[in-house]
């Protein structure tokens, strides 16, 4: 959460970015032996509590689903690294956020 910047057009919000690694073994333990794209997207969202998924990373989710289905023994040292943006919205004169939005904005294989 070291990378913070104000959101354009709204001076009372801050966005921070973080990453989370999810191994193939963790994914396979959640979704089972045969993975659909919908099941994989649900599993990624389950690992990041309270998050939504950006539409631009659905192609990578499909590629990861194919990789998980084709691996007989899933690796715990390889998987998906997701980028999470957390935007906190503040009311005028208050330092406590009244709304927090988490979104998976990127994903890459590691």
PDB file of N, CA and C in Angstrom:
ATOM      1  N   UNK A   1       0.806  -1.176   0.000  1.00  0.00           N
ATOM      2  CA  UNK A   1       0.000   0.000   0.000  1.00  0.00           C
ATOM      3  C   UNK A   1       0.863   1.260   0.000  1.00  0.00           C
ATOM      4  N   UNK A   2       2.053   1.167  -0.490  1.00  0.00           N
ATOM      5  CA  UNK A   2       2.972   2.295  -0.474  1.00  0.00           C
ATOM      6  C   UNK A   2       2.666   3.291  -1.584  1.00  0.00           C
ATOM      7  N   UNK A   3       2.010   2.833  -2.656  1.00  0.00           N
ATOM      8  CA  UNK A   3       1.769   3.680  -3.818  1.00  0.00           C
ATOM      9  C   UNK A   3       0.387   4.314  -3.691  1.00  0.00           C
ATOM     10  N   UNK A   4       0.333   5.585  -3.251  1.00  0.00           N
ATOM     11  CA  UNK A   4      -0.935   6.293  -3.079  1.00  0.00           C
ATOM     12  C   UNK A   4      -0.958   7.538  -3.935  1.00  0.00           C
ATOM     13  N   UNK A   5      -2.151   7.853  -4.481  1.00  0.00           N
ATOM     14  CA  UNK A   5      -2.319   9.080  -5.238  1.00  0.00           C
ATOM     15  C   UNK A   5      -3.776   9.494  -5.189  1.00  0.00           C
ATOM     16  N   UNK A   6      -4.060  10.800  -5.245  1.00  0.00           N
ATOM     17  CA  UNK A   6      -5.450  11.249  -5.273  1.00  0.00           C
ATOM     18  C   UNK A   6      -6.096  10.877  -6.599  1.00  0.00           C
ATOM     19  N   UNK A   7      -7.377  10.567  -6.584  1.00  0.00           N
ATOM     20  CA  UNK A   7      -8.114  10.252  -7.805  1.00  0.00           C
ATOM     21  C   UNK A   7      -8.445  11.557  -8.508  1.00  0.00           C
ATOM     22  N   UNK A   8      -8.249  11.573  -9.830  1.00  0.00           N
ATOM     23  CA  UNK A   8      -8.485  12.794 -10.603  1.00  0.00           C
ATOM     24  C   UNK A   8      -9.944  13.214 -10.492  1.00  0.00           C
ATOM     25  N   UNK A   9     -10.174  14.518 -10.302  1.00  0.00           N
ATOM     26  CA  UNK A   9     -11.519  15.049 -10.257  1.00  0.00           C
ATOM     27  C   UNK A   9     -12.165  14.986  -8.884  1.00  0.00           C
ATOM     28  N   UNK A  10     -11.582  14.289  -7.948  1.00  0.00           N
ATOM     29  CA  UNK A  10     -12.162  14.201  -6.612  1.00  0.00           C
ATOM     30  C   UNK A  10     -11.027  14.307  -5.607  1.00  0.00           C
ATOM     31  N   UNK A  11     -10.889  15.481  -4.991  1.00  0.00           N
ATOM     32  CA  UNK A  11      -9.786  15.719  -4.060  1.00  0.00           C
ATOM     33  C   UNK A  11      -9.994  14.998  -2.738  1.00  0.00           C
ATOM     34  N   UNK A  12     -11.193  14.452  -2.496  1.00  0.00           N
ATOM     35  CA  UNK A  12     -11.469  13.787  -1.231  1.00  0.00           C
ATOM     36  C   UNK A  12     -11.472  12.281  -1.374  1.00  0.00           C
ATOM     37  N   UNK A  13     -10.596  11.772  -2.183  1.00  0.00           N
ATOM     38  CA  UNK A  13     -10.437  10.321  -2.301  1.00  0.00           C
ATOM     39  C   UNK A  13      -8.966   9.994  -2.516  1.00  0.00           C
ATOM     40  N   UNK A  14      -8.577   8.830  -2.059  1.00  0.00           N
ATOM     41  CA  UNK A  14      -7.202   8.364  -2.230  1.00  0.00           C
ATOM     42  C   UNK A  14      -7.241   6.927  -2.721  1.00  0.00           C
ATOM     43  N   UNK A  15      -6.360   6.622  -3.671  1.00  0.00           N
ATOM     44  CA  UNK A  15      -6.252   5.272  -4.196  1.00  0.00           C
ATOM     45  C   UNK A  15      -4.880   4.720  -3.853  1.00  0.00           C
ATOM     46  N   UNK A  16      -4.855   3.522  -3.309  1.00  0.00           N
ATOM     47  CA  UNK A  16      -3.594   2.849  -3.038  1.00  0.00           C
ATOM     48  C   UNK A  16      -3.608   1.511  -3.773  1.00  0.00           C
ATOM     49  N   UNK A  17      -2.425   1.007  -4.093  1.00  0.00           N
ATOM     50  CA  UNK A  17      -2.290  -0.233  -4.847  1.00  0.00           C
ATOM     51  C   UNK A  17      -1.501  -1.250  -4.041  1.00  0.00           C
ATOM     52  N   UNK A  18      -1.910  -2.497  -4.130  1.00  0.00           N
ATOM     53  CA  UNK A  18      -1.188  -3.582  -3.486  1.00  0.00           C
ATOM     54  C   UNK A  18      -1.241  -4.799  -4.404  1.00  0.00           C
ATOM     55  N   UNK A  19      -0.408  -5.777  -4.129  1.00  0.00           N
ATOM     56  CA  UNK A  19      -0.417  -7.017  -4.903  1.00  0.00           C
ATOM     57  C   UNK A  19      -0.610  -8.200  -3.967  1.00  0.00           C
ATOM     58  N   UNK A  20      -1.165  -9.267  -4.533  1.00  0.00           N
ATOM     59  CA  UNK A  20      -1.362 -10.500  -3.773  1.00  0.00           C
ATOM     60  C   UNK A  20      -1.050 -11.663  -4.700  1.00  0.00           C
ATOM     61  N   UNK A  21      -0.240 -12.593  -4.222  1.00  0.00           N
ATOM     62  CA  UNK A  21       0.096 -13.786  -4.985  1.00  0.00           C
ATOM     63  C   UNK A  21      -0.841 -14.918  -4.595  1.00  0.00           C
ATOM     64  N   UNK A  22      -1.427 -15.563  -5.612  1.00  0.00           N
ATOM     65  CA  UNK A  22      -2.306 -16.700  -5.395  1.00  0.00           C
ATOM     66  C   UNK A  22      -1.736 -17.858  -6.215  1.00  0.00           C
ATOM     67  N   UNK A  23      -1.292 -18.920  -5.547  1.00  0.00           N
ATOM     68  CA  UNK A  23      -0.638 -20.021  -6.245  1.00  0.00           C
ATOM     69  C   UNK A  23      -1.660 -20.918  -6.939  1.00  0.00           C
ATOM     70  N   UNK A  24      -1.159 -21.689  -7.930  1.00  0.00           N
ATOM     71  CA  UNK A  24      -2.020 -22.650  -8.619  1.00  0.00           C
ATOM     72  C   UNK A  24      -2.584 -23.671  -7.636  1.00  0.00           C
ATOM     73  N   UNK A  25      -1.800 -24.047  -6.639  1.00  0.00           N
ATOM     74  CA  UNK A  25      -2.266 -25.019  -5.646  1.00  0.00           C
ATOM     75  C   UNK A  25      -3.441 -24.451  -4.846  1.00  0.00           C
ATOM     76  N   UNK A  26      -3.370 -23.181  -4.469  1.00  0.00           N
ATOM     77  CA  UNK A  26      -4.483 -22.552  -3.747  1.00  0.00           C
ATOM     78  C   UNK A  26      -5.725 -22.482  -4.622  1.00  0.00           C
ATOM     79  N   UNK A  27      -5.554 -22.113  -5.881  1.00  0.00           N
ATOM     80  CA  UNK A  27      -6.684 -22.014  -6.800  1.00  0.00           C
ATOM     81  C   UNK A  27      -7.320 -23.381  -6.995  1.00  0.00           C
ATOM     82  N   UNK A  28      -6.484 -24.400  -7.224  1.00  0.00           N
ATOM     83  CA  UNK A  28      -7.001 -25.741  -7.478  1.00  0.00           C
ATOM     84  C   UNK A  28      -7.721 -26.302  -6.256  1.00  0.00           C
ATOM     85  N   UNK A  29      -7.245 -25.963  -5.053  1.00  0.00           N
ATOM     86  CA  UNK A  29      -7.919 -26.453  -3.852  1.00  0.00           C
ATOM     87  C   UNK A  29      -9.297 -25.822  -3.677  1.00  0.00           C
ATOM     88  N   UNK A  30      -9.485 -24.625  -4.207  1.00  0.00           N
ATOM     89  CA  UNK A  30     -10.779 -23.953  -4.082  1.00  0.00           C
ATOM     90  C   UNK A  30     -11.752 -24.392  -5.174  1.00  0.00           C
ATOM     91  N   UNK A  31     -11.288 -24.471  -6.419  1.00  0.00           N
ATOM     92  CA  UNK A  31     -12.202 -24.721  -7.533  1.00  0.00           C
ATOM     93  C   UNK A  31     -12.305 -26.185  -7.933  1.00  0.00           C
ATOM     94  N   UNK A  32     -11.396 -27.039  -7.526  1.00  0.00           N
ATOM     95  CA  UNK A  32     -11.474 -28.453  -7.880  1.00  0.00           C
ATOM     96  C   UNK A  32     -10.666 -28.795  -9.108  1.00  0.00           C
ATOM     97  N   UNK A  33     -10.985 -29.946  -9.708  1.00  0.00           N
ATOM     98  CA  UNK A  33     -10.163 -30.460 -10.801  1.00  0.00           C
ATOM     99  C   UNK A  33     -10.456 -29.807 -12.141  1.00  0.00           C
ATOM    100  N   UNK A  34     -11.711 -29.530 -12.467  1.00  0.00           N
ATOM    101  CA  UNK A  34     -12.055 -28.900 -13.738  1.00  0.00           C
ATOM    102  C   UNK A  34     -12.493 -27.465 -13.452  1.00  0.00           C
ATOM    103  N   UNK A  35     -11.804 -26.521 -14.087  1.00  0.00           N
ATOM    104  CA  UNK A  35     -12.027 -25.115 -13.809  1.00  0.00           C
ATOM    105  C   UNK A  35     -12.685 -24.429 -14.995  1.00  0.00           C
ATOM    106  N   UNK A  36     -13.768 -23.708 -14.741  1.00  0.00           N
ATOM    107  CA  UNK A  36     -14.356 -22.839 -15.747  1.00  0.00           C
ATOM    108  C   UNK A  36     -13.882 -21.417 -15.473  1.00  0.00           C
ATOM    109  N   UNK A  37     -14.066 -20.549 -16.434  1.00  0.00           N
ATOM    110  CA  UNK A  37     -13.631 -19.163 -16.265  1.00  0.00           C
ATOM    111  C   UNK A  37     -14.412 -18.510 -15.121  1.00  0.00           C
ATOM    112  N   UNK A  38     -15.699 -18.810 -15.034  1.00  0.00           N
ATOM    113  CA  UNK A  38     -16.519 -18.232 -13.964  1.00  0.00           C
ATOM    114  C   UNK A  38     -16.053 -18.716 -12.594  1.00  0.00           C
ATOM    115  N   UNK A  39     -15.716 -20.006 -12.481  1.00  0.00           N
ATOM    116  CA  UNK A  39     -15.241 -20.545 -11.199  1.00  0.00           C
ATOM    117  C   UNK A  39     -13.904 -19.929 -10.817  1.00  0.00           C
ATOM    118  N   UNK A  40     -13.035 -19.729 -11.800  1.00  0.00           N
ATOM    119  CA  UNK A  40     -11.727 -19.131 -11.522  1.00  0.00           C
ATOM    120  C   UNK A  40     -11.876 -17.663 -11.110  1.00  0.00           C
ATOM    121  N   UNK A  41     -12.743 -16.919 -11.783  1.00  0.00           N
ATOM    122  CA  UNK A  41     -12.979 -15.529 -11.403  1.00  0.00           C
ATOM    123  C   UNK A  41     -13.538 -15.457  -9.986  1.00  0.00           C
ATOM    124  N   UNK A  42     -14.430 -16.368  -9.648  1.00  0.00           N
ATOM    125  CA  UNK A  42     -14.984 -16.405  -8.292  1.00  0.00           C
ATOM    126  C   UNK A  42     -13.902 -16.728  -7.268  1.00  0.00           C
ATOM    127  N   UNK A  43     -13.001 -17.634  -7.611  1.00  0.00           N
ATOM    128  CA  UNK A  43     -11.918 -17.997  -6.689  1.00  0.00           C
ATOM    129  C   UNK A  43     -10.984 -16.814  -6.452  1.00  0.00           C
ATOM    130  N   UNK A  44     -10.639 -16.083  -7.516  1.00  0.00           N
ATOM    131  CA  UNK A  44      -9.776 -14.910  -7.355  1.00  0.00           C
ATOM    132  C   UNK A  44     -10.451 -13.866  -6.473  1.00  0.00           C
ATOM    133  N   UNK A  45     -11.756 -13.685  -6.665  1.00  0.00           N
ATOM    134  CA  UNK A  45     -12.484 -12.729  -5.830  1.00  0.00           C
ATOM    135  C   UNK A  45     -12.591 -13.211  -4.393  1.00  0.00           C
ATOM    136  N   UNK A  46     -12.626 -14.524  -4.185  1.00  0.00           N
ATOM    137  CA  UNK A  46     -12.695 -15.065  -2.828  1.00  0.00           C
ATOM    138  C   UNK A  46     -11.396 -14.808  -2.066  1.00  0.00           C
ATOM    139  N   UNK A  47     -10.263 -14.799  -2.770  1.00  0.00           N
ATOM    140  CA  UNK A  47      -8.979 -14.548  -2.113  1.00  0.00           C
ATOM    141  C   UNK A  47      -8.775 -13.075  -1.770  1.00  0.00           C
ATOM    142  N   UNK A  48      -9.513 -12.183  -2.432  1.00  0.00           N
ATOM    143  CA  UNK A  48      -9.423 -10.752  -2.157  1.00  0.00           C
ATOM    144  C   UNK A  48     -10.796 -10.320  -1.642  1.00  0.00           C
ATOM    145  N   UNK A  49     -10.947 -10.314  -0.348  1.00  0.00           N
ATOM    146  CA  UNK A  49     -12.250 -10.060   0.272  1.00  0.00           C
ATOM    147  C   UNK A  49     -12.789  -8.682  -0.083  1.00  0.00           C
ATOM    148  N   UNK A  50     -14.048  -8.637  -0.501  1.00  0.00           N
ATOM    149  CA  UNK A  50     -14.717  -7.373  -0.774  1.00  0.00           C
ATOM    150  C   UNK A  50     -14.343  -6.709  -2.073  1.00  0.00           C
ATOM    151  N   UNK A  51     -13.709  -7.427  -2.997  1.00  0.00           N
ATOM    152  CA  UNK A  51     -13.242  -6.802  -4.237  1.00  0.00           C
ATOM    153  C   UNK A  51     -14.177  -7.106  -5.403  1.00  0.00           C
ATOM    154  N   UNK A  52     -14.114  -6.258  -6.415  1.00  0.00           N
ATOM    155  CA  UNK A  52     -14.764  -6.508  -7.688  1.00  0.00           C
ATOM    156  C   UNK A  52     -13.662  -6.690  -8.728  1.00  0.00           C
ATOM    157  N   UNK A  53     -14.010  -7.185  -9.909  1.00  0.00           N
ATOM    158  CA  UNK A  53     -12.998  -7.459 -10.924  1.00  0.00           C
ATOM    159  C   UNK A  53     -13.190  -6.553 -12.126  1.00  0.00           C
ATOM    160  N   UNK A  54     -12.121  -5.939 -12.583  1.00  0.00           N
ATOM    161  CA  UNK A  54     -12.160  -5.092 -13.776  1.00  0.00           C
ATOM    162  C   UNK A  54     -12.335  -5.971 -15.009  1.00  0.00           C
ATOM    163  N   UNK A  55     -13.054  -5.478 -15.985  1.00  0.00           N
ATOM    164  CA  UNK A  55     -13.357  -6.259 -17.185  1.00  0.00           C
ATOM    165  C   UNK A  55     -12.120  -6.543 -18.032  1.00  0.00           C
ATOM    166  N   UNK A  56     -11.073  -5.713 -17.917  1.00  0.00           N
ATOM    167  CA  UNK A  56      -9.913  -5.853 -18.801  1.00  0.00           C
ATOM    168  C   UNK A  56      -9.045  -7.069 -18.494  1.00  0.00           C
ATOM    169  N   UNK A  57      -9.233  -7.736 -17.364  1.00  0.00           N
ATOM    170  CA  UNK A  57      -8.364  -8.866 -17.041  1.00  0.00           C
ATOM    171  C   UNK A  57      -9.036 -10.213 -17.274  1.00  0.00           C
ATOM    172  N   UNK A  58     -10.204 -10.236 -17.913  1.00  0.00           N
ATOM    173  CA  UNK A  58     -10.890 -11.506 -18.133  1.00  0.00           C
ATOM    174  C   UNK A  58     -10.127 -12.409 -19.104  1.00  0.00           C
ATOM    175  N   UNK A  59      -9.367 -11.844 -20.032  1.00  0.00           N
ATOM    176  CA  UNK A  59      -8.559 -12.661 -20.941  1.00  0.00           C
ATOM    177  C   UNK A  59      -7.494 -13.445 -20.197  1.00  0.00           C
ATOM    178  N   UNK A  60      -6.864 -12.816 -19.222  1.00  0.00           N
ATOM    179  CA  UNK A  60      -5.859 -13.513 -18.420  1.00  0.00           C
ATOM    180  C   UNK A  60      -6.502 -14.580 -17.544  1.00  0.00           C
ATOM    181  N   UNK A  61      -7.690 -14.298 -17.032  1.00  0.00           N
ATOM    182  CA  UNK A  61      -8.400 -15.292 -16.221  1.00  0.00           C
ATOM    183  C   UNK A  61      -8.661 -16.544 -17.053  1.00  0.00           C
ATOM    184  N   UNK A  62      -9.014 -16.376 -18.321  1.00  0.00           N
ATOM    185  CA  UNK A  62      -9.230 -17.507 -19.212  1.00  0.00           C
ATOM    186  C   UNK A  62      -7.938 -18.298 -19.416  1.00  0.00           C
ATOM    187  N   UNK A  63      -6.813 -17.606 -19.599  1.00  0.00           N
ATOM    188  CA  UNK A  63      -5.524 -18.283 -19.780  1.00  0.00           C
ATOM    189  C   UNK A  63      -5.118 -19.042 -18.520  1.00  0.00           C
ATOM    190  N   UNK A  64      -5.364 -18.463 -17.356  1.00  0.00           N
ATOM    191  CA  UNK A  64      -5.030 -19.138 -16.097  1.00  0.00           C
ATOM    192  C   UNK A  64      -5.909 -20.366 -15.912  1.00  0.00           C
ATOM    193  N   UNK A  65      -7.177 -20.267 -16.294  1.00  0.00           N
ATOM    194  CA  UNK A  65      -8.071 -21.423 -16.218  1.00  0.00           C
ATOM    195  C   UNK A  65      -7.572 -22.581 -17.048  1.00  0.00           C
ATOM    196  N   UNK A  66      -7.083 -22.302 -18.243  1.00  0.00           N
ATOM    197  CA  UNK A  66      -6.507 -23.342 -19.094  1.00  0.00           C
ATOM    198  C   UNK A  66      -5.265 -23.934 -18.444  1.00  0.00           C
ATOM    199  N   UNK A  67      -4.429 -23.096 -17.857  1.00  0.00           N
ATOM    200  CA  UNK A  67      -3.201 -23.582 -17.206  1.00  0.00           C
ATOM    201  C   UNK A  67      -3.534 -24.459 -16.003  1.00  0.00           C
ATOM    202  N   UNK A  68      -4.506 -24.065 -15.203  1.00  0.00           N
ATOM    203  CA  UNK A  68      -4.870 -24.846 -14.019  1.00  0.00           C
ATOM    204  C   UNK A  68      -5.456 -26.185 -14.429  1.00  0.00           C
ATOM    205  N   UNK A  69      -6.254 -26.214 -15.486  1.00  0.00           N
ATOM    206  CA  UNK A  69      -6.849 -27.466 -15.952  1.00  0.00           C
ATOM    207  C   UNK A  69      -5.813 -28.433 -16.509  1.00  0.00           C
ATOM    208  N   UNK A  70      -4.733 -27.921 -17.100  1.00  0.00           N
ATOM    209  CA  UNK A  70      -3.743 -28.770 -17.750  1.00  0.00           C
ATOM    210  C   UNK A  70      -2.625 -29.235 -16.824  1.00  0.00           C
ATOM    211  N   UNK A  71      -2.563 -28.746 -15.608  1.00  0.00           N
ATOM    212  CA  UNK A  71      -1.498 -29.118 -14.681  1.00  0.00           C
ATOM    213  C   UNK A  71      -1.995 -30.254 -13.789  1.00  0.00           C
ATOM    214  N   UNK A  72      -1.254 -31.371 -13.800  1.00  0.00           N
ATOM    215  CA  UNK A  72      -1.660 -32.520 -12.988  1.00  0.00           C
ATOM    216  C   UNK A  72      -1.402 -32.277 -11.502  1.00  0.00           C
ATOM    217  N   UNK A  73      -0.200 -31.782 -11.177  1.00  0.00           N
ATOM    218  CA  UNK A  73       0.091 -31.457  -9.779  1.00  0.00           C
ATOM    219  C   UNK A  73       0.354 -29.956  -9.696  1.00  0.00           C
ATOM    220  N   UNK A  74      -0.574 -29.188  -9.170  1.00  0.00           N
ATOM    221  CA  UNK A  74      -0.427 -27.728  -9.158  1.00  0.00           C
ATOM    222  C   UNK A  74       0.723 -27.266  -8.269  1.00  0.00           C
ATOM    223  N   UNK A  75       1.417 -26.259  -8.728  1.00  0.00           N
ATOM    224  CA  UNK A  75       2.588 -25.737  -8.030  1.00  0.00           C
ATOM    225  C   UNK A  75       2.181 -24.724  -6.969  1.00  0.00           C
ATOM    226  N   UNK A  76       2.892 -24.755  -5.854  1.00  0.00           N
ATOM    227  CA  UNK A  76       2.657 -23.736  -4.830  1.00  0.00           C
ATOM    228  C   UNK A  76       3.606 -22.551  -5.001  1.00  0.00           C
ATOM    229  N   UNK A  77       4.555 -22.646  -5.953  1.00  0.00           N
ATOM    230  CA  UNK A  77       5.482 -21.539  -6.174  1.00  0.00           C
ATOM    231  C   UNK A  77       5.200 -20.795  -7.483  1.00  0.00           C
ATOM    232  N   UNK A  78       4.132 -21.156  -8.195  1.00  0.00           N
ATOM    233  CA  UNK A  78       3.711 -20.455  -9.410  1.00  0.00           C
ATOM    234  C   UNK A  78       2.217 -20.217  -9.325  1.00  0.00           C
ATOM    235  N   UNK A  79       1.764 -19.144  -9.960  1.00  0.00           N
ATOM    236  CA  UNK A  79       0.345 -18.850  -9.930  1.00  0.00           C
ATOM    237  C   UNK A  79       0.032 -17.501 -10.536  1.00  0.00           C
ATOM    238  N   UNK A  80      -0.888 -16.772  -9.898  1.00  0.00           N
ATOM    239  CA  UNK A  80      -1.373 -15.494 -10.398  1.00  0.00           C
ATOM    240  C   UNK A  80      -1.042 -14.410  -9.381  1.00  0.00           C
ATOM    241  N   UNK A  81      -0.482 -13.306  -9.863  1.00  0.00           N
ATOM    242  CA  UNK A  81      -0.238 -12.137  -9.020  1.00  0.00           C
ATOM    243  C   UNK A  81      -1.284 -11.097  -9.410  1.00  0.00           C
ATOM    244  N   UNK A  82      -2.186 -10.774  -8.484  1.00  0.00           N
ATOM    245  CA  UNK A  82      -3.242  -9.802  -8.770  1.00  0.00           C
ATOM    246  C   UNK A  82      -2.871  -8.447  -8.180  1.00  0.00           C
ATOM    247  N   UNK A  83      -3.211  -7.392  -8.909  1.00  0.00           N
ATOM    248  CA  UNK A  83      -3.028  -6.023  -8.447  1.00  0.00           C
ATOM    249  C   UNK A  83      -4.377  -5.512  -7.971  1.00  0.00           C
ATOM    250  N   UNK A  84      -4.399  -4.984  -6.758  1.00  0.00           N
ATOM    251  CA  UNK A  84      -5.637  -4.543  -6.137  1.00  0.00           C
ATOM    252  C   UNK A  84      -5.550  -3.039  -5.912  1.00  0.00           C
ATOM    253  N   UNK A  85      -6.559  -2.310  -6.387  1.00  0.00           N
ATOM    254  CA  UNK A  85      -6.622  -0.885  -6.088  1.00  0.00           C
ATOM    255  C   UNK A  85      -7.699  -0.681  -5.025  1.00  0.00           C
ATOM    256  N   UNK A  86      -7.345   0.069  -3.994  1.00  0.00           N
ATOM    257  CA  UNK A  86      -8.267   0.382  -2.912  1.00  0.00           C
ATOM    258  C   UNK A  86      -8.463   1.892  -2.894  1.00  0.00           C
ATOM    259  N   UNK A  87      -9.686   2.326  -3.178  1.00  0.00           N
ATOM    260  CA  UNK A  87     -10.008   3.749  -3.182  1.00  0.00           C
ATOM    261  C   UNK A  87     -10.842   4.056  -1.952  1.00  0.00           C
ATOM    262  N   UNK A  88     -10.375   5.018  -1.169  1.00  0.00           N
ATOM    263  CA  UNK A  88     -11.095   5.459   0.023  1.00  0.00           C
ATOM    264  C   UNK A  88     -11.670   6.842  -0.258  1.00  0.00           C
ATOM    265  N   UNK A  89     -12.980   6.991  -0.044  1.00  0.00           N
ATOM    266  CA  UNK A  89     -13.674   8.256  -0.274  1.00  0.00           C
ATOM    267  C   UNK A  89     -13.947   8.916   1.073  1.00  0.00           C
ATOM    268  N   UNK A  90     -13.611  10.208   1.166  1.00  0.00           N
ATOM    269  CA  UNK A  90     -13.749  10.965   2.406  1.00  0.00           C
ATOM    270  C   UNK A  90     -14.784  12.066   2.231  1.00  0.00           C
ATOM    271  N   UNK A  91     -15.494  12.370   3.297  1.00  0.00           N
ATOM    272  CA  UNK A  91     -16.393  13.522   3.315  1.00  0.00           C
ATOM    273  C   UNK A  91     -15.593  14.752   3.722  1.00  0.00           C
ATOM    274  N   UNK A  92     -16.112  15.919   3.382  1.00  0.00           N
ATOM    275  CA  UNK A  92     -15.421  17.172   3.659  1.00  0.00           C
ATOM    276  C   UNK A  92     -15.200  17.336   5.166  1.00  0.00           C
ATOM    277  N   UNK A  93     -13.967  17.622   5.549  1.00  0.00           N
ATOM    278  CA  UNK A  93     -13.636  17.864   6.941  1.00  0.00           C
ATOM    279  C   UNK A  93     -13.537  16.624   7.801  1.00  0.00           C
ATOM    280  N   UNK A  94     -13.442  15.443   7.191  1.00  0.00           N
ATOM    281  CA  UNK A  94     -13.380  14.211   7.967  1.00  0.00           C
ATOM    282  C   UNK A  94     -12.205  13.371   7.476  1.00  0.00           C
ATOM    283  N   UNK A  95     -11.473  12.768   8.381  1.00  0.00           N
ATOM    284  CA  UNK A  95     -10.329  11.943   7.996  1.00  0.00           C
ATOM    285  C   UNK A  95     -10.667  10.448   7.999  1.00  0.00           C
ATOM    286  N   UNK A  96     -11.909  10.103   8.312  1.00  0.00           N
ATOM    287  CA  UNK A  96     -12.346   8.704   8.304  1.00  0.00           C
ATOM    288  C   UNK A  96     -13.114   8.453   7.005  1.00  0.00           C
ATOM    289  N   UNK A  97     -12.710   7.448   6.220  1.00  0.00           N
ATOM    290  CA  UNK A  97     -13.413   7.212   4.955  1.00  0.00           C
ATOM    291  C   UNK A  97     -14.849   6.744   5.192  1.00  0.00           C
ATOM    292  N   UNK A  98     -15.767   7.273   4.390  1.00  0.00           N
ATOM    293  CA  UNK A  98     -17.157   6.836   4.501  1.00  0.00           C
ATOM    294  C   UNK A  98     -17.460   5.702   3.539  1.00  0.00           C
ATOM    295  N   UNK A  99     -16.577   5.464   2.561  1.00  0.00           N
ATOM    296  CA  UNK A  99     -16.761   4.377   1.607  1.00  0.00           C
ATOM    297  C   UNK A  99     -15.401   3.930   1.113  1.00  0.00           C
ATOM    298  N   UNK A 100     -15.223   2.621   1.009  1.00  0.00           N
ATOM    299  CA  UNK A 100     -13.989   2.046   0.495  1.00  0.00           C
ATOM    300  C   UNK A 100     -14.339   1.073  -0.627  1.00  0.00           C
ATOM    301  N   UNK A 101     -13.662   1.212  -1.771  1.00  0.00           N
ATOM    302  CA  UNK A 101     -13.919   0.365  -2.930  1.00  0.00           C
ATOM    303  C   UNK A 101     -12.629  -0.369  -3.273  1.00  0.00           C
ATOM    304  N   UNK A 102     -12.693  -1.719  -3.293  1.00  0.00           N
ATOM    305  CA  UNK A 102     -11.554  -2.540  -3.719  1.00  0.00           C
ATOM    306  C   UNK A 102     -11.870  -3.118  -5.085  1.00  0.00           C
ATOM    307  N   UNK A 103     -10.860  -3.107  -5.962  1.00  0.00           N
ATOM    308  CA  UNK A 103     -11.046  -3.666  -7.292  1.00  0.00           C
ATOM    309  C   UNK A 103      -9.769  -4.337  -7.754  1.00  0.00           C
ATOM    310  N   UNK A 104      -9.911  -5.531  -8.322  1.00  0.00           N
ATOM    311  CA  UNK A 104      -8.771  -6.216  -8.937  1.00  0.00           C
ATOM    312  C   UNK A 104      -8.584  -5.562 -10.296  1.00  0.00           C
ATOM    313  N   UNK A 105      -7.479  -4.837 -10.460  1.00  0.00           N
ATOM    314  CA  UNK A 105      -7.257  -4.063 -11.674  1.00  0.00           C
ATOM    315  C   UNK A 105      -6.250  -4.700 -12.625  1.00  0.00           C
ATOM    316  N   UNK A 106      -5.541  -5.698 -12.178  1.00  0.00           N
ATOM    317  CA  UNK A 106      -4.561  -6.341 -13.042  1.00  0.00           C
ATOM    318  C   UNK A 106      -4.225  -7.718 -12.531  1.00  0.00           C
ATOM    319  N   UNK A 107      -3.712  -8.522 -13.427  1.00  0.00           N
ATOM    320  CA  UNK A 107      -3.296  -9.860 -13.055  1.00  0.00           C
ATOM    321  C   UNK A 107      -2.169 -10.288 -13.988  1.00  0.00           C
ATOM    322  N   UNK A 108      -1.235 -11.026 -13.443  1.00  0.00           N
ATOM    323  CA  UNK A 108      -0.108 -11.528 -14.221  1.00  0.00           C
ATOM    324  C   UNK A 108       0.289 -12.882 -13.662  1.00  0.00           C
ATOM    325  N   UNK A 109       0.930 -13.683 -14.472  1.00  0.00           N
ATOM    326  CA  UNK A 109       1.418 -14.980 -14.006  1.00  0.00           C
ATOM    327  C   UNK A 109       2.784 -14.804 -13.370  1.00  0.00           C
ATOM    328  N   UNK A 110       3.070 -15.592 -12.354  1.00  0.00           N
ATOM    329  CA  UNK A 110       4.408 -15.566 -11.740  1.00  0.00           C
ATOM    330  C   UNK A 110       4.933 -16.966 -11.611  1.00  0.00           C
TER     331      UNK A 110
END
